Amino acid sequence: MNTRTNIKLIPDSQTIKNICDVLDKNNIPCQEFRNDPHCTIIYSPDIIDTNKIVFPKIKLPIIGSKAHFEFFDTNDDGIVLVIEFESDIAVNLFRYLKQKYKFTTKYEEYRPHITIQKNMFKKTDLPDIDFNLYFDKLIKEII
């Protein structure tokens, strides 16, 4: 049964390796990330045929800068550890898709991030991230 339209950015292999190195070195739980490394742009209950979704012209890779660990408090998944980052392209893509296709989403404010692990306890000793994030694929799917 199709329940969601999902549009996401996929990190390149070097970015995934860099993140895994930081997570492993610091013994940070990361099963969510290892199962599906991505940055969600749209996750909506509005089902739109992916063949009809047209992206604006975007040059890949998309670069995420000023990456850092952050905790999001959610209703569905408890405390979620993420890597939040800055990317005007990701923010503008979210706004474009939401406006053009009238996607409804759970959150009005879009904060680019990669989910690392759901249902976490907050930790204060998280390491710095001293590298940019590179996303080389943009995927649209019905899940």
Protein backbone atom coordinates (compact mmCIF):
# COMPACT_ATOMS: atom_id res chain seq x y z
CA MET A 1 0.00 0.00 0.00
CA ASN A 2 1.46 3.37 -1.04
CA THR A 3 1.36 5.86 1.80
CA ARG A 4 3.87 8.63 1.12
CA THR A 5 5.70 10.59 -1.50
CA ASN A 6 9.33 10.70 -0.50
CA ILE A 7 11.95 12.96 -2.07
CA LYS A 8 15.46 12.72 -0.70
CA LEU A 9 19.09 13.59 -1.28
CA ILE A 10 21.61 10.76 -1.09
CA PRO A 11 25.12 11.46 0.20
CA ASP A 12 28.06 10.38 -1.92
CA SER A 13 30.17 7.42 -0.81
CA GLN A 14 32.96 9.58 0.68
CA THR A 15 30.47 11.55 2.80
CA ILE A 16 28.93 8.29 4.05
CA LYS A 17 32.41 6.99 4.91
CA ASN A 18 33.35 10.22 6.71
CA ILE A 19 30.15 10.14 8.77
CA CYS A 20 30.59 6.44 9.61
CA ASP A 21 34.18 7.10 10.72
CA VAL A 22 32.99 9.80 13.16
CA LEU A 23 30.13 7.65 14.44
CA ASP A 24 32.30 4.54 14.90
CA LYS A 25 35.17 6.43 16.53
CA ASN A 26 32.76 7.93 19.08
CA ASN A 27 30.58 4.82 19.62
CA ILE A 28 27.43 6.64 18.52
CA PRO A 29 24.41 4.43 17.75
CA CYS A 30 23.55 4.83 14.08
CA GLN A 31 21.41 1.97 12.76
CA GLU A 32 18.96 4.38 11.09
CA PHE A 33 21.79 6.05 9.18
CA ARG A 34 23.44 2.78 8.18
CA ASN A 35 20.11 1.40 6.89
CA ASP A 36 19.23 4.43 4.77
CA PRO A 37 21.67 7.37 4.61
CA HIS A 38 19.79 10.35 3.22
CA CYS A 39 18.48 13.86 3.71
CA THR A 40 14.70 14.05 3.35
CA ILE A 41 13.46 16.96 1.27
CA ILE A 42 9.76 15.99 1.17
CA TYR A 43 7.97 13.22 3.10
CA SER A 44 4.29 13.75 2.45
CA PRO A 45 1.03 11.79 2.64
CA ASP A 46 0.10 13.39 -0.69
CA ILE A 47 0.67 10.74 -3.34
CA ILE A 48 1.91 12.26 -6.59
CA ASP A 49 3.06 10.13 -9.51
CA THR A 50 6.84 10.49 -9.43
CA ASN A 51 6.91 10.72 -13.24
CA LYS A 52 4.95 13.97 -12.94
CA ILE A 53 7.31 15.56 -10.41
CA VAL A 54 9.81 17.75 -12.21
CA PHE A 55 12.77 19.16 -10.32
CA PRO A 56 14.11 22.61 -11.04
CA LYS A 57 17.55 22.68 -12.62
CA ILE A 58 19.95 21.70 -9.86
CA LYS A 59 23.63 21.06 -10.26
CA LEU A 60 24.87 18.05 -8.34
CA PRO A 61 26.55 17.56 -6.01
CA ILE A 62 24.66 19.64 -3.49
CA ILE A 63 26.98 20.69 -0.68
CA GLY A 64 25.96 20.89 2.97
CA SER A 65 28.16 23.14 5.08
CA LYS A 66 28.50 23.91 8.79
CA ALA A 67 27.39 20.39 9.67
CA HIS A 68 26.92 19.58 13.34
CA PHE A 69 25.16 17.08 15.56
CA GLU A 70 21.79 18.15 16.89
CA PHE A 71 18.87 16.56 18.70
CA PHE A 72 15.31 16.96 17.41
CA ASP A 73 12.47 16.33 19.85
CA THR A 74 9.69 14.57 17.91
CA ASN A 75 6.32 13.15 18.82
CA ASP A 76 6.67 10.01 16.71
CA ASP A 77 10.31 9.00 17.14
CA GLY A 78 11.29 10.45 20.52
CA ILE A 79 14.64 12.20 20.65
CA VAL A 80 16.31 11.92 17.25
CA LEU A 81 20.04 12.44 16.71
CA VAL A 82 20.69 14.16 13.39
CA ILE A 83 23.45 15.89 11.54
CA GLU A 84 22.02 19.30 10.73
CA PHE A 85 23.66 21.38 8.02
CA GLU A 86 23.25 24.50 5.94
CA SER A 87 22.18 24.29 2.31
CA ASP A 88 20.25 27.03 0.55
CA ILE A 89 19.69 24.63 -2.35
CA ALA A 90 18.01 22.03 -0.12
CA VAL A 91 15.83 24.68 1.56
CA ASN A 92 14.86 26.21 -1.79
CA LEU A 93 14.09 22.77 -3.24
CA PHE A 94 11.78 22.04 -0.28
CA ARG A 95 9.98 25.36 -0.79
CA TYR A 96 9.70 24.85 -4.55
CA LEU A 97 8.25 21.33 -4.26
CA LYS A 98 5.87 22.31 -1.47
CA GLN A 99 4.56 25.28 -3.45
CA LYS A 100 4.44 23.69 -6.92
CA TYR A 101 2.91 20.35 -5.88
CA LYS A 102 1.06 21.52 -2.75
CA PHE A 103 2.70 18.84 -0.62
CA THR A 104 1.56 18.76 2.97
CA THR A 105 4.29 18.00 5.46
CA LYS A 106 4.43 17.48 9.18
CA TYR A 107 6.70 20.48 9.74
CA GLU A 108 6.37 23.99 8.32
CA GLU A 109 9.99 24.88 9.01
CA TYR A 110 12.49 22.89 6.98
CA ARG A 111 15.86 22.17 8.59
CA PRO A 112 18.21 20.19 6.34
CA HIS A 113 19.51 17.16 8.21
CA ILE A 114 20.52 13.53 8.02
CA THR A 115 18.89 11.25 10.58
CA ILE A 116 21.47 9.26 12.51
CA GLN A 117 19.37 7.46 15.13
CA LYS A 118 15.82 7.67 16.49
CA ASN A 119 14.79 7.20 20.13
CA MET A 120 18.07 8.43 21.58
CA PHE A 121 19.10 9.85 24.90
CA LYS A 122 20.65 13.29 24.66
CA LYS A 123 24.41 13.30 24.98
CA THR A 124 26.58 16.33 25.58
CA ASP A 125 29.92 14.95 24.39
CA LEU A 126 29.25 14.77 20.67
CA PRO A 127 32.21 15.40 18.36
CA ASP A 128 32.60 18.22 15.87
CA ILE A 129 32.07 17.57 12.19
CA ASP A 130 34.91 19.19 10.28
CA PHE A 131 33.94 18.31 6.71
CA ASN A 132 31.29 19.31 4.19
CA LEU A 133 28.54 16.92 3.16
CA TYR A 134 28.15 16.10 -0.53
CA PHE A 135 24.90 14.77 -2.01
CA ASP A 136 25.16 13.34 -5.51
CA LYS A 137 21.69 11.83 -6.05
CA LEU A 138 18.16 13.20 -5.83
CA ILE A 139 15.51 10.47 -5.57
CA LYS A 140 11.71 10.59 -5.79
CA GLU A 141 9.69 7.55 -4.72
CA ILE A 142 6.36 6.36 -3.39
CA ILE A 143 6.80 4.32 -0.23
